[in-house]
N, C-alpha and C. Protein backbone atom coordinates (compact mmCIF):
# COMPACT_ATOMS: atom_id res chain seq x y z
N MET A 1 0.84 -1.19 0.00
CA MET A 1 0.00 0.00 0.00
C MET A 1 0.87 1.24 0.00
N LYS A 2 0.54 2.18 -0.84
CA LYS A 2 1.28 3.43 -0.89
C LYS A 2 0.68 4.42 0.11
N TYR A 3 1.56 5.06 0.86
CA TYR A 3 1.12 6.11 1.76
C TYR A 3 0.87 7.38 0.95
N GLU A 4 0.05 8.26 1.46
CA GLU A 4 -0.24 9.51 0.76
C GLU A 4 1.02 10.31 0.48
N TYR A 5 1.97 10.31 1.42
CA TYR A 5 3.18 11.11 1.19
C TYR A 5 4.07 10.51 0.12
N GLU A 6 3.88 9.26 -0.25
CA GLU A 6 4.63 8.69 -1.35
C GLU A 6 3.98 9.03 -2.69
N LYS A 7 2.71 9.33 -2.68
CA LYS A 7 2.01 9.67 -3.92
C LYS A 7 1.94 11.17 -4.17
N PHE A 8 2.33 11.95 -3.20
CA PHE A 8 2.23 13.40 -3.26
C PHE A 8 3.16 13.97 -4.32
N LYS A 9 2.64 14.82 -5.16
CA LYS A 9 3.43 15.48 -6.19
C LYS A 9 3.33 16.99 -5.97
N MET A 10 4.45 17.63 -5.87
CA MET A 10 4.48 19.08 -5.66
C MET A 10 4.77 19.74 -7.00
N LYS A 11 3.76 20.41 -7.55
CA LYS A 11 3.95 21.12 -8.81
C LYS A 11 4.68 22.42 -8.52
N ILE A 12 5.70 22.69 -9.32
CA ILE A 12 6.46 23.92 -9.15
C ILE A 12 6.77 24.51 -10.52
N ASP A 13 7.06 25.77 -10.53
CA ASP A 13 7.43 26.48 -11.75
C ASP A 13 8.64 27.33 -11.42
N GLU A 14 9.81 26.69 -11.46
CA GLU A 14 11.06 27.35 -11.12
C GLU A 14 12.12 26.96 -12.12
N PHE A 15 13.21 27.67 -12.09
CA PHE A 15 14.36 27.32 -12.90
C PHE A 15 15.53 26.99 -12.00
N PHE A 16 16.17 25.86 -12.25
CA PHE A 16 17.40 25.48 -11.58
C PHE A 16 18.51 25.59 -12.62
N GLU A 17 19.70 25.92 -12.17
CA GLU A 17 20.84 26.13 -13.07
C GLU A 17 21.81 24.96 -13.02
N THR A 18 22.21 24.50 -14.19
CA THR A 18 23.32 23.56 -14.23
C THR A 18 24.61 24.37 -14.31
N SER A 19 25.67 23.86 -13.74
CA SER A 19 26.96 24.55 -13.78
C SER A 19 27.82 24.09 -14.95
N GLY A 20 27.49 22.92 -15.51
CA GLY A 20 28.29 22.38 -16.58
C GLY A 20 29.53 21.65 -16.09
N ASP A 21 29.58 21.38 -14.79
CA ASP A 21 30.75 20.74 -14.18
C ASP A 21 30.51 19.29 -13.79
N GLY A 22 29.45 18.69 -14.33
CA GLY A 22 29.18 17.29 -14.03
C GLY A 22 29.96 16.36 -14.96
N PHE A 23 29.88 15.07 -14.70
CA PHE A 23 30.58 14.09 -15.52
C PHE A 23 29.95 13.90 -16.90
N TYR A 24 28.66 14.21 -17.03
CA TYR A 24 27.93 13.86 -18.25
C TYR A 24 27.57 15.04 -19.13
N THR A 25 27.72 16.23 -18.66
CA THR A 25 27.39 17.39 -19.49
C THR A 25 28.29 18.57 -19.12
N ASP A 26 28.56 19.38 -20.12
CA ASP A 26 29.31 20.61 -19.89
C ASP A 26 28.41 21.83 -20.12
N LYS A 27 27.10 21.60 -20.15
CA LYS A 27 26.14 22.67 -20.42
C LYS A 27 25.85 23.47 -19.14
N HIS A 28 26.00 24.77 -19.24
CA HIS A 28 25.59 25.68 -18.17
C HIS A 28 24.33 26.37 -18.68
N LYS A 29 23.18 25.97 -18.12
CA LYS A 29 21.94 26.56 -18.60
C LYS A 29 20.84 26.44 -17.57
N SER A 30 19.78 27.19 -17.79
CA SER A 30 18.59 27.16 -16.94
C SER A 30 17.71 25.98 -17.34
N VAL A 31 17.21 25.29 -16.35
CA VAL A 31 16.35 24.13 -16.58
C VAL A 31 15.02 24.40 -15.88
N LYS A 32 13.93 24.38 -16.63
CA LYS A 32 12.61 24.62 -16.05
C LYS A 32 12.16 23.36 -15.30
N ILE A 33 11.84 23.54 -14.03
CA ILE A 33 11.40 22.45 -13.17
C ILE A 33 9.88 22.50 -13.09
N THR A 34 9.24 21.34 -13.26
CA THR A 34 7.77 21.28 -13.30
C THR A 34 7.15 20.67 -12.05
N ARG A 35 7.84 19.70 -11.45
CA ARG A 35 7.31 19.11 -10.22
C ARG A 35 8.38 18.28 -9.53
N ILE A 36 8.13 17.99 -8.26
CA ILE A 36 8.96 17.04 -7.53
C ILE A 36 8.05 16.03 -6.87
N GLU A 37 8.59 14.85 -6.66
CA GLU A 37 7.83 13.82 -5.97
C GLU A 37 8.80 12.87 -5.28
N VAL A 38 8.27 12.15 -4.32
CA VAL A 38 9.03 11.14 -3.59
C VAL A 38 8.29 9.83 -3.77
N PRO A 39 8.67 9.03 -4.78
CA PRO A 39 7.94 7.79 -5.05
C PRO A 39 8.25 6.65 -4.10
N TYR A 40 9.33 6.77 -3.32
CA TYR A 40 9.69 5.68 -2.42
C TYR A 40 10.26 6.22 -1.12
N ILE A 41 9.77 5.66 -0.01
CA ILE A 41 10.32 5.90 1.33
C ILE A 41 10.35 4.56 2.03
N ASP A 42 11.50 4.18 2.61
CA ASP A 42 11.54 2.91 3.32
C ASP A 42 10.80 3.01 4.65
N ASN A 43 10.58 1.89 5.28
CA ASN A 43 9.73 1.83 6.47
C ASN A 43 10.25 2.62 7.66
N ASP A 44 11.56 2.76 7.80
CA ASP A 44 12.09 3.47 8.97
C ASP A 44 12.55 4.89 8.65
N PHE A 45 12.17 5.40 7.49
CA PHE A 45 12.47 6.78 7.08
C PHE A 45 13.97 7.07 7.00
N SER A 46 14.77 6.07 6.75
CA SER A 46 16.21 6.31 6.63
C SER A 46 16.63 6.52 5.18
N PHE A 47 15.76 6.16 4.23
CA PHE A 47 16.13 6.27 2.82
C PHE A 47 14.88 6.46 1.97
N GLY A 48 15.02 7.27 0.91
CA GLY A 48 13.94 7.46 -0.06
C GLY A 48 14.51 7.98 -1.36
N GLU A 49 13.63 8.08 -2.35
CA GLU A 49 14.02 8.64 -3.64
C GLU A 49 13.22 9.91 -3.89
N LEU A 50 13.92 10.96 -4.29
CA LEU A 50 13.33 12.21 -4.73
C LEU A 50 13.51 12.30 -6.23
N ARG A 51 12.45 12.65 -6.94
CA ARG A 51 12.54 12.89 -8.38
C ARG A 51 12.21 14.35 -8.66
N VAL A 52 13.09 15.01 -9.37
CA VAL A 52 12.91 16.40 -9.77
C VAL A 52 12.66 16.38 -11.28
N PHE A 53 11.43 16.68 -11.67
CA PHE A 53 11.02 16.63 -13.08
C PHE A 53 11.29 17.96 -13.76
N PHE A 54 11.79 17.88 -14.98
CA PHE A 54 12.08 19.08 -15.75
C PHE A 54 11.33 19.05 -17.08
N ASP A 55 11.17 20.22 -17.65
CA ASP A 55 10.52 20.38 -18.95
C ASP A 55 11.53 19.99 -20.04
N PRO A 56 11.24 18.94 -20.83
CA PRO A 56 12.20 18.51 -21.85
C PRO A 56 12.41 19.52 -22.98
N ASP A 57 11.61 20.57 -23.03
CA ASP A 57 11.88 21.64 -24.00
C ASP A 57 13.07 22.49 -23.55
N TYR A 58 13.38 22.47 -22.24
CA TYR A 58 14.48 23.25 -21.70
C TYR A 58 15.76 22.43 -21.55
N TRP A 59 15.60 21.14 -21.37
CA TRP A 59 16.76 20.24 -21.25
C TRP A 59 16.46 18.99 -22.06
N LYS A 60 17.22 18.79 -23.11
CA LYS A 60 17.02 17.66 -24.01
C LYS A 60 18.12 16.63 -23.77
N ILE A 61 17.73 15.47 -23.24
CA ILE A 61 18.70 14.44 -22.89
C ILE A 61 19.59 14.06 -24.08
N LEU A 62 19.01 13.93 -25.26
CA LEU A 62 19.81 13.52 -26.42
C LEU A 62 20.85 14.56 -26.82
N GLU A 63 20.56 15.84 -26.57
CA GLU A 63 21.50 16.90 -26.91
C GLU A 63 22.38 17.31 -25.73
N ASP A 64 21.75 17.43 -24.57
CA ASP A 64 22.43 17.98 -23.40
C ASP A 64 23.04 16.92 -22.50
N ASN A 65 22.61 15.68 -22.65
CA ASN A 65 23.03 14.54 -21.83
C ASN A 65 22.39 14.65 -20.43
N PHE A 66 22.81 13.79 -19.53
CA PHE A 66 22.19 13.73 -18.20
C PHE A 66 22.69 14.86 -17.31
N ILE A 67 21.80 15.40 -16.51
CA ILE A 67 22.15 16.41 -15.51
C ILE A 67 22.92 15.75 -14.36
N TYR A 68 22.73 14.48 -14.18
CA TYR A 68 23.35 13.67 -13.14
C TYR A 68 24.80 14.08 -12.87
N THR A 69 25.11 14.33 -11.63
CA THR A 69 26.42 14.74 -11.06
C THR A 69 26.71 16.23 -11.19
N ASP A 70 25.85 17.02 -11.79
CA ASP A 70 26.12 18.45 -11.93
C ASP A 70 26.00 19.13 -10.56
N PRO A 71 27.08 19.74 -10.04
CA PRO A 71 27.03 20.33 -8.70
C PRO A 71 26.14 21.57 -8.61
N GLY A 72 26.02 22.34 -9.66
CA GLY A 72 25.15 23.52 -9.64
C GLY A 72 23.69 23.15 -9.49
N PHE A 73 23.27 22.13 -10.22
CA PHE A 73 21.88 21.67 -10.13
C PHE A 73 21.59 21.13 -8.73
N LEU A 74 22.51 20.34 -8.19
CA LEU A 74 22.33 19.81 -6.83
C LEU A 74 22.22 20.95 -5.82
N ARG A 75 23.03 21.97 -5.97
CA ARG A 75 22.96 23.13 -5.07
C ARG A 75 21.58 23.77 -5.10
N ASP A 76 21.01 23.92 -6.31
CA ASP A 76 19.68 24.51 -6.44
C ASP A 76 18.59 23.61 -5.85
N VAL A 77 18.73 22.31 -6.00
CA VAL A 77 17.77 21.38 -5.40
C VAL A 77 17.79 21.52 -3.88
N ILE A 78 18.97 21.53 -3.29
CA ILE A 78 19.08 21.66 -1.83
C ILE A 78 18.57 23.01 -1.37
N SER A 79 18.88 24.07 -2.10
CA SER A 79 18.39 25.40 -1.76
C SER A 79 16.86 25.45 -1.79
N PHE A 80 16.27 24.89 -2.85
CA PHE A 80 14.81 24.83 -2.96
C PHE A 80 14.22 24.02 -1.80
N ALA A 81 14.82 22.89 -1.50
CA ALA A 81 14.32 22.04 -0.42
C ALA A 81 14.32 22.79 0.91
N ASN A 82 15.37 23.54 1.19
CA ASN A 82 15.44 24.29 2.44
C ASN A 82 14.45 25.44 2.47
N ARG A 83 14.18 26.03 1.34
CA ARG A 83 13.24 27.15 1.28
C ARG A 83 11.79 26.70 1.32
N GLU A 84 11.46 25.61 0.63
CA GLU A 84 10.06 25.22 0.44
C GLU A 84 9.61 23.99 1.21
N ILE A 85 10.53 23.15 1.64
CA ILE A 85 10.14 21.90 2.28
C ILE A 85 10.46 21.91 3.76
N GLY A 86 11.67 22.26 4.14
CA GLY A 86 12.03 22.28 5.56
C GLY A 86 13.42 22.86 5.74
N ASN A 87 13.80 23.10 6.98
CA ASN A 87 15.10 23.69 7.29
C ASN A 87 16.15 22.61 7.51
N ASP A 88 17.38 22.99 7.33
CA ASP A 88 18.53 22.12 7.61
C ASP A 88 18.52 20.83 6.81
N ILE A 89 18.07 20.91 5.57
CA ILE A 89 18.10 19.74 4.69
C ILE A 89 19.44 19.74 3.96
N ASP A 90 20.20 18.72 4.21
CA ASP A 90 21.49 18.57 3.52
C ASP A 90 21.71 17.13 3.07
N ASP A 91 20.70 16.30 3.26
CA ASP A 91 20.83 14.87 2.98
C ASP A 91 20.21 14.51 1.62
N VAL A 92 20.68 15.21 0.59
CA VAL A 92 20.24 14.99 -0.78
C VAL A 92 21.49 14.73 -1.62
N ALA A 93 21.49 13.63 -2.36
CA ALA A 93 22.63 13.28 -3.22
C ALA A 93 22.10 12.59 -4.46
N TYR A 94 22.83 12.68 -5.55
CA TYR A 94 22.39 12.01 -6.77
C TYR A 94 22.27 10.51 -6.56
N SER A 95 21.20 9.93 -7.11
CA SER A 95 21.05 8.48 -7.14
C SER A 95 22.00 7.91 -8.18
N GLU A 96 21.97 6.61 -8.34
CA GLU A 96 22.82 5.97 -9.33
C GLU A 96 22.43 6.38 -10.75
N TYR A 97 23.37 6.25 -11.66
CA TYR A 97 23.17 6.64 -13.05
C TYR A 97 21.93 5.99 -13.66
N HIS A 98 21.76 4.70 -13.44
CA HIS A 98 20.65 3.98 -14.08
C HIS A 98 19.28 4.38 -13.54
N MET A 99 19.23 5.18 -12.47
CA MET A 99 17.95 5.64 -11.92
C MET A 99 17.50 6.98 -12.52
N GLN A 100 18.34 7.59 -13.37
CA GLN A 100 18.00 8.87 -13.98
C GLN A 100 16.98 8.65 -15.09
N GLY A 101 16.07 9.62 -15.25
CA GLY A 101 15.02 9.49 -16.26
C GLY A 101 15.20 10.44 -17.42
N ASP A 102 14.36 10.29 -18.42
CA ASP A 102 14.39 11.18 -19.59
C ASP A 102 13.84 12.56 -19.28
N ASP A 103 13.02 12.66 -18.22
CA ASP A 103 12.45 13.96 -17.85
C ASP A 103 12.54 14.24 -16.35
N TYR A 104 13.40 13.51 -15.66
CA TYR A 104 13.61 13.79 -14.25
C TYR A 104 15.03 13.42 -13.83
N VAL A 105 15.44 14.01 -12.72
CA VAL A 105 16.72 13.70 -12.09
C VAL A 105 16.39 13.02 -10.77
N SER A 106 17.03 11.90 -10.51
CA SER A 106 16.77 11.11 -9.32
C SER A 106 17.82 11.40 -8.25
N PHE A 107 17.33 11.53 -7.00
CA PHE A 107 18.21 11.78 -5.86
C PHE A 107 17.89 10.82 -4.74
N ASP A 108 18.93 10.44 -3.99
CA ASP A 108 18.74 9.72 -2.74
C ASP A 108 18.52 10.76 -1.65
N VAL A 109 17.57 10.51 -0.79
CA VAL A 109 17.30 11.40 0.34
C VAL A 109 17.19 10.55 1.60
N SER A 110 17.46 11.17 2.74
CA SER A 110 17.37 10.42 3.98
C SER A 110 16.54 11.17 5.02
N GLU A 111 16.75 10.87 6.27
CA GLU A 111 15.79 11.22 7.32
C GLU A 111 15.41 12.70 7.40
N ASN A 112 16.36 13.62 7.38
CA ASN A 112 16.01 15.05 7.49
C ASN A 112 15.04 15.46 6.39
N PHE A 113 15.39 15.12 5.17
CA PHE A 113 14.52 15.47 4.05
C PHE A 113 13.18 14.78 4.17
N LEU A 114 13.18 13.49 4.46
CA LEU A 114 11.93 12.71 4.47
C LEU A 114 10.97 13.18 5.55
N ARG A 115 11.47 13.47 6.72
CA ARG A 115 10.59 13.97 7.80
C ARG A 115 9.99 15.31 7.40
N ALA A 116 10.78 16.18 6.79
CA ALA A 116 10.27 17.48 6.35
C ALA A 116 9.25 17.31 5.22
N TRP A 117 9.49 16.35 4.32
CA TRP A 117 8.57 16.08 3.21
C TRP A 117 7.22 15.62 3.74
N VAL A 118 7.23 14.68 4.67
CA VAL A 118 5.97 14.17 5.22
C VAL A 118 5.25 15.29 5.95
N ASP A 119 5.98 16.12 6.68
CA ASP A 119 5.36 17.25 7.37
C ASP A 119 4.72 18.20 6.37
N LEU A 120 5.40 18.45 5.26
CA LEU A 120 4.86 19.32 4.21
C LEU A 120 3.56 18.74 3.65
N VAL A 121 3.55 17.45 3.39
CA VAL A 121 2.35 16.81 2.84
C VAL A 121 1.19 16.96 3.81
N VAL A 122 1.44 16.74 5.08
CA VAL A 122 0.39 16.87 6.09
C VAL A 122 -0.12 18.31 6.13
N ARG A 123 0.80 19.28 6.10
CA ARG A 123 0.41 20.69 6.17
C ARG A 123 -0.36 21.15 4.94
N ARG A 124 0.00 20.64 3.77
CA ARG A 124 -0.57 21.14 2.53
C ARG A 124 -1.59 20.22 1.88
N SER A 125 -1.89 19.12 2.48
CA SER A 125 -2.74 18.14 1.81
C SER A 125 -4.13 18.69 1.47
N ASN A 126 -4.57 19.67 2.18
CA ASN A 126 -5.87 20.26 1.87
C ASN A 126 -5.79 21.28 0.75
N SER A 127 -4.59 21.84 0.50
CA SER A 127 -4.50 22.89 -0.53
C SER A 127 -3.82 22.41 -1.80
N LEU A 128 -3.16 21.27 -1.78
CA LEU A 128 -2.51 20.74 -2.97
C LEU A 128 -3.11 19.40 -3.32
N THR A 129 -3.02 19.03 -4.57
CA THR A 129 -3.59 17.77 -5.05
C THR A 129 -2.71 16.61 -4.63
N VAL A 130 -3.30 15.64 -3.98
CA VAL A 130 -2.64 14.40 -3.67
C VAL A 130 -3.25 13.35 -4.57
N THR A 131 -2.42 12.76 -5.43
CA THR A 131 -2.95 11.79 -6.39
C THR A 131 -2.45 10.40 -6.09
């Protein structure tokens, strides 16, 4: 059974910047972010997956390659998480290469992020769509 906080999708309209210093791309550009979600959280809240979805019109995998490992993009994800989800979130890191998608970047997250995420879902469940 999926918990509501695992199905929760946060729609956003922001731009995150790649620095071009990752292993897979040298592109420094703005990437339009459309939503974030946490499709998996383990039972003891020690590990989960965060997916940051981007508009493929702004970042084309076939041309730009994977955002995976780009430090500028990771910095913006952590900054957004601290501003919009909770304070003192620093437990966000890129997931493995094979977990990256054509329209999202996958991250491993742990307890600080996950507790703040669940708290956000509880606080906003009446004002945001839970699907």
